[in-house]
Structures are given as C-alpha cells and as structure tokens.
Amino acid sequence: MARVIAICNAKGGVGKTTTAINLSGYLAAMGKYVLLVDMDSQANATAGIGTTMSEQDGSIYHALVNDYNPHHLIKKTSLFGFDILPAAQELAGATVELVTMEEREFRLKKALNSIRTNYDYILIDCPPSLGLLTVNALAASERIIIPVQCEYYALEGLTQLLKTIELVRQGLNPDLQVLGVLLTMYDRRNQLANQVVNEVYRNFPGRVFDAVIPRMVSLAEAPSFGKTILQFDPNSKAARAYRQLAEEVIKYSN
C-alpha cells in the first residue's frame, strides 16, 4: 500500500515541482515504485519529466470530474518504476466543476484508492494555492512536504498553509502530518539565505529535512530536457541533495 505524500506550499516558485520530479526519480532509483500525480493545471511536472500529451489522452482531470479509472490515465516515464498521472490545462476548470459534486474534497482520494496497491509511494504536486484541488490533495495524503525557498518573503503564506492543514486534519483527514520542511534554492554565499535557514529552524524545530537543495543552473535546465537531475547532472550538488532527501523520506515516512 503506497504512502501518499503531498508536496505543498501556497506560494509559487518555491521548488514544489522540481522537488516532486526529482524526489520521485530518486525514490525510483532506490527500487521503489512511484507515481507522481500532477495536480497543477500548468502541468509543469507532466512536461518537466518529458511526458507528451495528445488531445486524445486523458489526465487527472478526467479521474476527478468524470470518474475515469486512473489506471488508464497513467503514463510511464523514462525511469523504471516512475509513473506519472498527468495534468492538462482543462484541470483549471475542475475547481468550478467539483463545487457541486458530492464529497468533492475526496475525489482524488477515491481515484487513488483504486491504484494504491500498485506503488510504494504516491507523490502529489499541488498547485500554488489553497483551493479545492489542494484540499483534495491534502485529504488524500498521509504526509506533507513543505518546500521553502531561502529567499525574502520565504515564510509568507506558511501560517495560512498550516491553518489549512489543521482544518483538513480536523474535518477531513485526521491522519495528515507534516513530514518535513524542505529548504530550497539555497546559496550559502547569500547572507539573507542563511538568515532564512535560521528562521525556518526556529519556526519548525525538529521538522526540517537535513537535505538542503542548492540553487543550481542544471536543476533549472533539466526539465527543459524532460529529465530528472539524476539523469541530467548526476554528480552535481543538487543531485546529491535530492538523493539525501529520498533517503530521509524513506526513513521517516514509514
């Protein structure tokens, strides 16, 4: 039975999708069967792992709105053991369409329950908002990884995210827990970055991953080639950091 982990932060540009792709890649490289669920209508995770979509292909939208069996929507990636449940632009309309549906907050959970036994990990790349799609992701998950970029305004919005997590825990999913906060886009030469690191440790004692994701050009370039950092630049600091993160996730998520 898969461990379901949401990668979530209401703020955009913090490394959610980069983390979702590369953590999935390293978990697969460590012998785990992984499904990445792209819940962002921008479909960056889908494109960033090299998945091509035709007009005939279904996406996570069809599982949420039309009750399609997700087994028929899943696509293989270039890494063995790493599959993706892709997104498409039509997902942007799902929030409106879900509003009138019964048990609208549990549509994703219902879809994933039918395939959970096929994987060791299901990672959900959440959209940069706290809307109904993110609530679906949190209702379906057992753990949350919160990426926080080491830049100005890094903690902006985190208070609201933690409130949302608590509301979901109280009303929809009592098993939901924060697995950890992940520091991303770190540049040790930047004094502000070091201040943010200290602030995050102060606000989340005992809940910050040891792995720290550096700011690197190769990490930004890899998605344009449809590759993980493991495939694109395996000897880089970023690759080592995501390997370390995967090891921590395996250790602490069970």
Foldseek 3Di string as FASTA:
>chain_A
DAAEEEADALDPDQCLLLLLQQLLQLLVVVPWQEEEEELAQVFLNCLLLPHDDDPPADAVLCCQQVVDQQVRRKDDGPGPRYIYRTHHNCSVCSLVRLPPDPPSLQSVLVNCVVCRVVTHYYYYRHYNRLGSSVSSSLLNHQEYEYRFELDPCRCPRVVVVVVSSVVCCVPRNVNYYYQAYEYEQADPVDPSSVVSVVVVCVVDPPGHQPQHAHRDPQSVCSSVVSHRCCVRPCVDSRNVSSSSVSVSCVVRSD
